[in-house]
Protein backbone atom coordinates (compact mmCIF):
# COMPACT_ATOMS: atom_id res chain seq x y z
CA MET A 1 -23.18 -0.63 -53.10
CA ILE A 2 -19.94 -2.43 -53.93
CA GLY A 3 -17.96 0.80 -53.64
CA ALA A 4 -19.40 1.49 -50.17
CA TRP A 5 -17.99 -1.63 -48.46
CA PRO A 6 -14.43 -0.35 -48.07
CA ASP A 7 -15.76 2.84 -46.46
CA ILE A 8 -17.97 0.86 -44.08
CA ILE A 9 -15.10 -1.47 -43.16
CA GLN A 10 -12.81 1.50 -42.58
CA ALA A 11 -15.43 3.21 -40.37
CA VAL A 12 -15.98 0.07 -38.29
CA GLY A 13 -12.22 -0.43 -37.98
CA GLY A 14 -11.82 3.19 -36.86
CA ALA A 15 -14.55 2.78 -34.24
CA ILE A 16 -12.91 -0.41 -32.94
CA ALA A 17 -9.53 1.35 -32.79
CA ILE A 18 -11.03 4.23 -30.78
CA ILE A 19 -12.71 1.81 -28.36
CA LEU A 20 -9.46 -0.15 -27.89
CA ALA A 21 -7.48 3.06 -27.33
CA ALA A 22 -9.97 4.23 -24.68
CA TRP A 23 -9.88 0.79 -23.04
CA ASN A 24 -6.08 0.85 -23.02
CA ALA A 25 -6.02 4.32 -21.44
CA ARG A 26 -8.48 3.20 -18.77
CA GLN A 27 -6.42 0.12 -17.99
CA ALA A 28 -3.22 2.19 -17.79
CA LYS A 29 -4.86 4.56 -15.28
CA GLN A 30 -6.11 1.65 -13.19
CA ILE A 31 -2.63 0.10 -13.18
CA ALA A 32 -1.07 3.41 -12.12
CA ASP A 33 -3.64 3.73 -9.30
CA LEU A 34 -2.98 0.17 -8.15
CA ARG A 35 0.79 0.77 -8.13
CA ALA A 36 0.31 3.91 -6.04
CA ASP A 37 -1.93 1.98 -3.62
CA LEU A 38 0.64 -0.80 -3.41
CA ASP A 39 3.39 1.70 -2.58
CA THR A 40 1.20 3.22 0.13
CA LEU A 41 0.39 -0.18 1.61
CA THR A 42 4.03 -1.26 1.50
CA ALA A 43 5.07 1.85 3.43
CA ALA A 44 2.30 1.29 5.98
CA GLU A 45 3.35 -2.33 6.41
CA ARG A 46 6.97 -1.34 7.02
CA LYS A 47 5.87 1.20 9.62
CA SER A 48 3.61 -1.37 11.32
CA ARG A 49 6.38 -3.94 11.46
CA THR A 50 8.77 -1.40 12.92
CA LEU A 51 6.23 -0.37 15.57
CA LEU A 52 5.53 -4.03 16.37
CA ARG A 53 9.22 -4.75 16.92
CA VAL A 54 9.61 -1.69 19.14
CA ALA A 55 6.48 -2.60 21.11
CA VAL A 56 7.63 -6.19 21.63
CA ARG A 57 11.03 -4.98 22.86
CA HIS A 58 9.32 -2.57 25.24
CA ILE A 59 6.98 -5.28 26.55
CA ARG A 60 9.97 -7.54 27.14
CA GLU A 61 11.71 -4.77 29.09
CA TRP A 62 8.59 -4.29 31.20
CA ASN A 63 8.32 -8.05 31.75
CA TRP A 64 11.96 -8.29 32.79
CA TRP A 65 11.51 -5.30 35.11
CA ALA A 66 8.36 -6.80 36.67
CA MET A 67 9.86 -10.27 37.11
CA THR A 68 12.93 -9.14 39.04
CA PRO A 69 12.62 -9.92 42.75
CA GLU A 70 13.03 -6.30 43.76
CA PRO A 71 12.46 -3.90 40.90
CA ARG A 72 15.21 -1.35 41.06
CA GLY A 73 14.89 2.01 39.47
CA PRO A 74 11.99 3.52 37.59
CA THR A 75 9.82 1.64 35.18
CA PRO A 76 11.19 1.30 31.64
CA HIS A 77 10.72 4.41 29.55
CA ALA A 78 8.44 4.10 26.51
CA PRO A 79 10.40 4.36 23.24
CA ASP A 80 10.00 7.53 21.21
CA GLU A 81 8.49 5.53 18.33
CA LEU A 82 5.56 4.53 20.56
CA THR A 83 4.75 7.91 22.09
CA ASP A 84 2.19 8.67 19.36
CA GLU A 85 0.65 5.22 19.77
CA LEU A 86 0.25 5.34 23.55
């Protein structure tokens, strides 16, 4: 039985190493997925901010046009960035 202990310890150590390697691979995949999601969300946020700025500018143009005593000319044209949103 004394000669079997090193083999048992080595087998347990090997099992622990395999479990840790699998855990590490799983964590690496989750981190890669989270980074991809973050990149997607960052791009969506930039697009939303850009659309918000364009919309606010357009609303201000409409407000200025509506507040003039005698509106002259046609109503303000919607920006190209907002045509898909309207």
